[in-house]
Amino acid sequence: MIVKLHLQQEDEALDYTAKPGDTYEDALLSFGINPDTVLIFFQGVSIPQDKIIEEDAVKIISTCTRG
């Protein structure tokens, strides 16, 4: 299954190929994103980083600055 991660602040989308049992934490870490620094939303509802990937696209919003 492919899930599209829309990074709001970077205005970028990343495709992650999820294996059965993969979580959003797995996806974020694969791109070098610390899961503790972002919020994940699906259709406007926050979802936990340890949720198994079932959605086809989510929005990722950073909760901290990188500067």
PDB file of N, CA and C in Angstrom:
ATOM      1  N   MET A   1       0.844  -1.181   0.000  1.00  0.00           N
ATOM      2  CA  MET A   1       0.000   0.000   0.000  1.00  0.00           C
ATOM      3  C   MET A   1       0.886   1.241   0.000  1.00  0.00           C
ATOM      4  N   ILE A   2       0.525   2.207  -0.814  1.00  0.00           N
ATOM      5  CA  ILE A   2       1.263   3.472  -0.849  1.00  0.00           C
ATOM      6  C   ILE A   2       0.430   4.542  -0.152  1.00  0.00           C
ATOM      7  N   VAL A   3       1.082   5.249   0.781  1.00  0.00           N
ATOM      8  CA  VAL A   3       0.430   6.367   1.464  1.00  0.00           C
ATOM      9  C   VAL A   3       1.206   7.631   1.099  1.00  0.00           C
ATOM     10  N   LYS A   4       0.482   8.690   0.822  1.00  0.00           N
ATOM     11  CA  LYS A   4       1.091   9.978   0.499  1.00  0.00           C
ATOM     12  C   LYS A   4       1.110  10.826   1.769  1.00  0.00           C
ATOM     13  N   LEU A   5       2.309  11.262   2.140  1.00  0.00           N
ATOM     14  CA  LEU A   5       2.494  12.127   3.304  1.00  0.00           C
ATOM     15  C   LEU A   5       2.654  13.551   2.801  1.00  0.00           C
ATOM     16  N   HIS A   6       1.670  14.390   3.053  1.00  0.00           N
ATOM     17  CA  HIS A   6       1.726  15.796   2.633  1.00  0.00           C
ATOM     18  C   HIS A   6       2.358  16.607   3.760  1.00  0.00           C
ATOM     19  N   LEU A   7       3.566  17.082   3.538  1.00  0.00           N
ATOM     20  CA  LEU A   7       4.259  17.905   4.524  1.00  0.00           C
ATOM     21  C   LEU A   7       3.821  19.347   4.317  1.00  0.00           C
ATOM     22  N   GLN A   8       3.030  19.853   5.233  1.00  0.00           N
ATOM     23  CA  GLN A   8       2.416  21.168   5.065  1.00  0.00           C
ATOM     24  C   GLN A   8       3.438  22.303   4.991  1.00  0.00           C
ATOM     25  N   GLN A   9       4.370  22.356   5.929  1.00  0.00           N
ATOM     26  CA  GLN A   9       5.279  23.497   5.965  1.00  0.00           C
ATOM     27  C   GLN A   9       6.246  23.511   4.790  1.00  0.00           C
ATOM     28  N   GLU A  10       6.636  22.346   4.308  1.00  0.00           N
ATOM     29  CA  GLU A  10       7.552  22.280   3.176  1.00  0.00           C
ATOM     30  C   GLU A  10       6.801  22.302   1.850  1.00  0.00           C
ATOM     31  N   ASP A  11       5.478  22.200   1.882  1.00  0.00           N
ATOM     32  CA  ASP A  11       4.647  22.119   0.683  1.00  0.00           C
ATOM     33  C   ASP A  11       5.192  21.027  -0.247  1.00  0.00           C
ATOM     34  N   GLU A  12       5.346  19.849   0.349  1.00  0.00           N
ATOM     35  CA  GLU A  12       5.944  18.718  -0.339  1.00  0.00           C
ATOM     36  C   GLU A  12       5.127  17.467  -0.030  1.00  0.00           C
ATOM     37  N   ALA A  13       5.129  16.515  -0.933  1.00  0.00           N
ATOM     38  CA  ALA A  13       4.450  15.243  -0.707  1.00  0.00           C
ATOM     39  C   ALA A  13       5.447  14.105  -0.902  1.00  0.00           C
ATOM     40  N   LEU A  14       5.429  13.162   0.030  1.00  0.00           N
ATOM     41  CA  LEU A  14       6.304  12.001  -0.033  1.00  0.00           C
ATOM     42  C   LEU A  14       5.449  10.747  -0.127  1.00  0.00           C
ATOM     43  N   ASP A  15       5.868   9.809  -0.958  1.00  0.00           N
ATOM     44  CA  ASP A  15       5.166   8.530  -1.063  1.00  0.00           C
ATOM     45  C   ASP A  15       5.908   7.484  -0.243  1.00  0.00           C
ATOM     46  N   TYR A  16       5.166   6.785   0.604  1.00  0.00           N
ATOM     47  CA  TYR A  16       5.743   5.716   1.427  1.00  0.00           C
ATOM     48  C   TYR A  16       5.037   4.415   1.081  1.00  0.00           C
ATOM     49  N   THR A  17       5.808   3.401   0.771  1.00  0.00           N
ATOM     50  CA  THR A  17       5.245   2.084   0.483  1.00  0.00           C
ATOM     51  C   THR A  17       5.211   1.296   1.781  1.00  0.00           C
ATOM     52  N   ALA A  18       4.013   1.152   2.325  1.00  0.00           N
ATOM     53  CA  ALA A  18       3.835   0.503   3.618  1.00  0.00           C
ATOM     54  C   ALA A  18       3.714  -1.005   3.478  1.00  0.00           C
ATOM     55  N   LYS A  19       4.410  -1.686   4.371  1.00  0.00           N
ATOM     56  CA  LYS A  19       4.270  -3.132   4.477  1.00  0.00           C
ATOM     57  C   LYS A  19       3.193  -3.403   5.536  1.00  0.00           C
ATOM     58  N   PRO A  20       2.572  -4.573   5.520  1.00  0.00           N
ATOM     59  CA  PRO A  20       1.564  -4.882   6.543  1.00  0.00           C
ATOM     60  C   PRO A  20       2.133  -4.682   7.948  1.00  0.00           C
ATOM     61  N   GLY A  21       1.399  -3.948   8.761  1.00  0.00           N
ATOM     62  CA  GLY A  21       1.823  -3.684  10.134  1.00  0.00           C
ATOM     63  C   GLY A  21       2.633  -2.424  10.321  1.00  0.00           C
ATOM     64  N   ASP A  22       3.029  -1.756   9.230  1.00  0.00           N
ATOM     65  CA  ASP A  22       3.778  -0.500   9.357  1.00  0.00           C
ATOM     66  C   ASP A  22       2.901   0.576   9.994  1.00  0.00           C
ATOM     67  N   THR A  23       3.534   1.421  10.783  1.00  0.00           N
ATOM     68  CA  THR A  23       2.853   2.536  11.423  1.00  0.00           C
ATOM     69  C   THR A  23       3.329   3.851  10.806  1.00  0.00           C
ATOM     70  N   TYR A  24       2.664   4.928  11.179  1.00  0.00           N
ATOM     71  CA  TYR A  24       3.097   6.239  10.703  1.00  0.00           C
ATOM     72  C   TYR A  24       4.464   6.591  11.262  1.00  0.00           C
ATOM     73  N   GLU A  25       4.772   6.103  12.437  1.00  0.00           N
ATOM     74  CA  GLU A  25       6.108   6.313  13.000  1.00  0.00           C
ATOM     75  C   GLU A  25       7.159   5.690  12.075  1.00  0.00           C
ATOM     76  N   ASP A  26       6.909   4.480  11.584  1.00  0.00           N
ATOM     77  CA  ASP A  26       7.833   3.828  10.646  1.00  0.00           C
ATOM     78  C   ASP A  26       8.021   4.688   9.398  1.00  0.00           C
ATOM     79  N   ALA A  27       6.920   5.198   8.862  1.00  0.00           N
ATOM     80  CA  ALA A  27       6.977   6.009   7.648  1.00  0.00           C
ATOM     81  C   ALA A  27       7.780   7.286   7.888  1.00  0.00           C
ATOM     82  N   LEU A  28       7.494   7.972   8.964  1.00  0.00           N
ATOM     83  CA  LEU A  28       8.195   9.224   9.253  1.00  0.00           C
ATOM     84  C   LEU A  28       9.687   8.988   9.448  1.00  0.00           C
ATOM     85  N   LEU A  29      10.034   7.972  10.224  1.00  0.00           N
ATOM     86  CA  LEU A  29      11.441   7.685  10.472  1.00  0.00           C
ATOM     87  C   LEU A  29      12.181   7.323   9.184  1.00  0.00           C
ATOM     88  N   SER A  30      11.495   6.682   8.242  1.00  0.00           N
ATOM     89  CA  SER A  30      12.148   6.312   6.985  1.00  0.00           C
ATOM     90  C   SER A  30      12.582   7.540   6.188  1.00  0.00           C
ATOM     91  N   PHE A  31      11.927   8.677   6.429  1.00  0.00           N
ATOM     92  CA  PHE A  31      12.280   9.929   5.754  1.00  0.00           C
ATOM     93  C   PHE A  31      13.120  10.846   6.644  1.00  0.00           C
ATOM     94  N   GLY A  32      13.552  10.350   7.804  1.00  0.00           N
ATOM     95  CA  GLY A  32      14.365  11.144   8.709  1.00  0.00           C
ATOM     96  C   GLY A  32      13.586  12.187   9.481  1.00  0.00           C
ATOM     97  N   ILE A  33      12.278  11.970   9.623  1.00  0.00           N
ATOM     98  CA  ILE A  33      11.422  12.906  10.360  1.00  0.00           C
ATOM     99  C   ILE A  33      11.188  12.345  11.759  1.00  0.00           C
ATOM    100  N   ASN A  34      11.497  13.140  12.772  1.00  0.00           N
ATOM    101  CA  ASN A  34      11.265  12.726  14.155  1.00  0.00           C
ATOM    102  C   ASN A  34       9.761  12.757  14.421  1.00  0.00           C
ATOM    103  N   PRO A  35       9.136  11.620  14.706  1.00  0.00           N
ATOM    104  CA  PRO A  35       7.687  11.572  14.914  1.00  0.00           C
ATOM    105  C   PRO A  35       7.198  12.437  16.074  1.00  0.00           C
ATOM    106  N   ASP A  36       8.102  12.749  17.015  1.00  0.00           N
ATOM    107  CA  ASP A  36       7.708  13.565  18.165  1.00  0.00           C
ATOM    108  C   ASP A  36       7.609  15.046  17.833  1.00  0.00           C
ATOM    109  N   THR A  37       7.962  15.423  16.599  1.00  0.00           N
ATOM    110  CA  THR A  37       7.954  16.838  16.228  1.00  0.00           C
ATOM    111  C   THR A  37       6.846  17.196  15.242  1.00  0.00           C
ATOM    112  N   VAL A  38       5.946  16.242  14.977  1.00  0.00           N
ATOM    113  CA  VAL A  38       4.875  16.489  14.011  1.00  0.00           C
ATOM    114  C   VAL A  38       3.535  15.961  14.523  1.00  0.00           C
ATOM    115  N   LEU A  39       2.480  16.465  13.894  1.00  0.00           N
ATOM    116  CA  LEU A  39       1.133  15.940  14.093  1.00  0.00           C
ATOM    117  C   LEU A  39       0.669  15.368  12.771  1.00  0.00           C
ATOM    118  N   ILE A  40      -0.114  14.298  12.847  1.00  0.00           N
ATOM    119  CA  ILE A  40      -0.603  13.620  11.650  1.00  0.00           C
ATOM    120  C   ILE A  40      -2.117  13.773  11.598  1.00  0.00           C
ATOM    121  N   PHE A  41      -2.641  14.197  10.444  1.00  0.00           N
ATOM    122  CA  PHE A  41      -4.075  14.404  10.294  1.00  0.00           C
ATOM    123  C   PHE A  41      -4.614  13.639   9.090  1.00  0.00           C
ATOM    124  N   PHE A  42      -5.789  13.039   9.276  1.00  0.00           N
ATOM    125  CA  PHE A  42      -6.517  12.412   8.182  1.00  0.00           C
ATOM    126  C   PHE A  42      -7.923  12.979   8.191  1.00  0.00           C
ATOM    127  N   GLN A  43      -8.305  13.637   7.110  1.00  0.00           N
ATOM    128  CA  GLN A  43      -9.612  14.285   6.971  1.00  0.00           C
ATOM    129  C   GLN A  43      -9.912  15.194   8.168  1.00  0.00           C
ATOM    130  N   GLY A  44      -8.893  15.960   8.585  1.00  0.00           N
ATOM    131  CA  GLY A  44      -9.052  16.936   9.654  1.00  0.00           C
ATOM    132  C   GLY A  44      -9.017  16.382  11.066  1.00  0.00           C
ATOM    133  N   VAL A  45      -8.819  15.083  11.214  1.00  0.00           N
ATOM    134  CA  VAL A  45      -8.785  14.450  12.530  1.00  0.00           C
ATOM    135  C   VAL A  45      -7.364  13.973  12.821  1.00  0.00           C
ATOM    136  N   SER A  46      -6.864  14.320  14.006  1.00  0.00           N
ATOM    137  CA  SER A  46      -5.526  13.899  14.405  1.00  0.00           C
ATOM    138  C   SER A  46      -5.495  12.390  14.641  1.00  0.00           C
ATOM    139  N   ILE A  47      -4.436  11.752  14.146  1.00  0.00           N
ATOM    140  CA  ILE A  47      -4.280  10.318  14.378  1.00  0.00           C
ATOM    141  C   ILE A  47      -2.919  10.075  15.029  1.00  0.00           C
ATOM    142  N   PRO A  48      -2.800   9.042  15.860  1.00  0.00           N
ATOM    143  CA  PRO A  48      -1.541   8.790  16.570  1.00  0.00           C
ATOM    144  C   PRO A  48      -0.459   8.229  15.648  1.00  0.00           C
ATOM    145  N   GLN A  49       0.773   8.507  15.994  1.00  0.00           N
ATOM    146  CA  GLN A  49       1.896   8.040  15.184  1.00  0.00           C
ATOM    147  C   GLN A  49       2.065   6.530  15.230  1.00  0.00           C
ATOM    148  N   ASP A  50       1.521   5.871  16.249  1.00  0.00           N
ATOM    149  CA  ASP A  50       1.660   4.417  16.340  1.00  0.00           C
ATOM    150  C   ASP A  50       0.496   3.667  15.678  1.00  0.00           C
ATOM    151  N   LYS A  51      -0.349   4.396  14.954  1.00  0.00           N
ATOM    152  CA  LYS A  51      -1.467   3.770  14.245  1.00  0.00           C
ATOM    153  C   LYS A  51      -0.946   3.038  13.011  1.00  0.00           C
ATOM    154  N   ILE A  52      -1.470   1.846  12.772  1.00  0.00           N
ATOM    155  CA  ILE A  52      -1.122   1.105  11.571  1.00  0.00           C
ATOM    156  C   ILE A  52      -1.677   1.851  10.353  1.00  0.00           C
ATOM    157  N   ILE A  53      -0.875   1.957   9.312  1.00  0.00           N
ATOM    158  CA  ILE A  53      -1.245   2.707   8.113  1.00  0.00           C
ATOM    159  C   ILE A  53      -2.387   2.015   7.387  1.00  0.00           C
ATOM    160  N   GLU A  54      -3.488   2.750   7.211  1.00  0.00           N
ATOM    161  CA  GLU A  54      -4.653   2.272   6.470  1.00  0.00           C
ATOM    162  C   GLU A  54      -5.161   3.322   5.474  1.00  0.00           C
ATOM    163  N   GLU A  55      -4.781   4.581   5.681  1.00  0.00           N
ATOM    164  CA  GLU A  55      -5.240   5.687   4.858  1.00  0.00           C
ATOM    165  C   GLU A  55      -4.349   5.822   3.627  1.00  0.00           C
ATOM    166  N   ASP A  56      -4.875   6.434   2.568  1.00  0.00           N
ATOM    167  CA  ASP A  56      -4.074   6.600   1.359  1.00  0.00           C
ATOM    168  C   ASP A  56      -3.321   7.929   1.321  1.00  0.00           C
ATOM    169  N   ALA A  57      -3.717   8.889   2.159  1.00  0.00           N
ATOM    170  CA  ALA A  57      -3.035  10.178   2.210  1.00  0.00           C
ATOM    171  C   ALA A  57      -3.311  10.843   3.558  1.00  0.00           C
ATOM    172  N   VAL A  58      -2.259  11.459   4.130  1.00  0.00           N
ATOM    173  CA  VAL A  58      -2.389  12.176   5.388  1.00  0.00           C
ATOM    174  C   VAL A  58      -1.630  13.491   5.292  1.00  0.00           C
ATOM    175  N   LYS A  59      -1.965  14.426   6.179  1.00  0.00           N
ATOM    176  CA  LYS A  59      -1.237  15.687   6.279  1.00  0.00           C
ATOM    177  C   LYS A  59      -0.329  15.631   7.491  1.00  0.00           C
ATOM    178  N   ILE A  60       0.886  16.105   7.305  1.00  0.00           N
ATOM    179  CA  ILE A  60       1.879  16.131   8.378  1.00  0.00           C
ATOM    180  C   ILE A  60       2.179  17.596   8.674  1.00  0.00           C
ATOM    181  N   ILE A  61       1.958  17.992   9.926  1.00  0.00           N
ATOM    182  CA  ILE A  61       2.195  19.382  10.334  1.00  0.00           C
ATOM    183  C   ILE A  61       3.257  19.399  11.416  1.00  0.00           C
ATOM    184  N   SER A  62       4.312  20.168  11.174  1.00  0.00           N
ATOM    185  CA  SER A  62       5.411  20.289  12.126  1.00  0.00           C
ATOM    186  C   SER A  62       4.967  21.112  13.323  1.00  0.00           C
ATOM    187  N   THR A  63       5.409  20.686  14.512  1.00  0.00           N
ATOM    188  CA  THR A  63       5.045  21.398  15.736  1.00  0.00           C
ATOM    189  C   THR A  63       6.217  22.172  16.313  1.00  0.00           C
ATOM    190  N   CYS A  64       7.349  22.187  15.581  1.00  0.00           N
ATOM    191  CA  CYS A  64       8.506  22.926  16.054  1.00  0.00           C
ATOM    192  C   CYS A  64       9.252  23.537  14.874  1.00  0.00           C
ATOM    193  N   THR A  65      10.096  24.500  15.167  1.00  0.00           N
ATOM    194  CA  THR A  65      10.885  25.125  14.110  1.00  0.00           C
ATOM    195  C   THR A  65      12.210  24.398  13.963  1.00  0.00           C
ATOM    196  N   ARG A  66      12.824  24.572  12.827  1.00  0.00           N
ATOM    197  CA  ARG A  66      14.100  23.897  12.580  1.00  0.00           C
ATOM    198  C   ARG A  66      15.249  24.896  12.507  1.00  0.00           C
ATOM    199  N   GLY A  67      15.056  26.058  13.055  1.00  0.00           N
ATOM    200  CA  GLY A  67      16.081  27.070  12.921  1.00  0.00           C
ATOM    201  C   GLY A  67      16.705  27.403  14.185  1.00  0.00           C
TER     202      GLY A  67
END
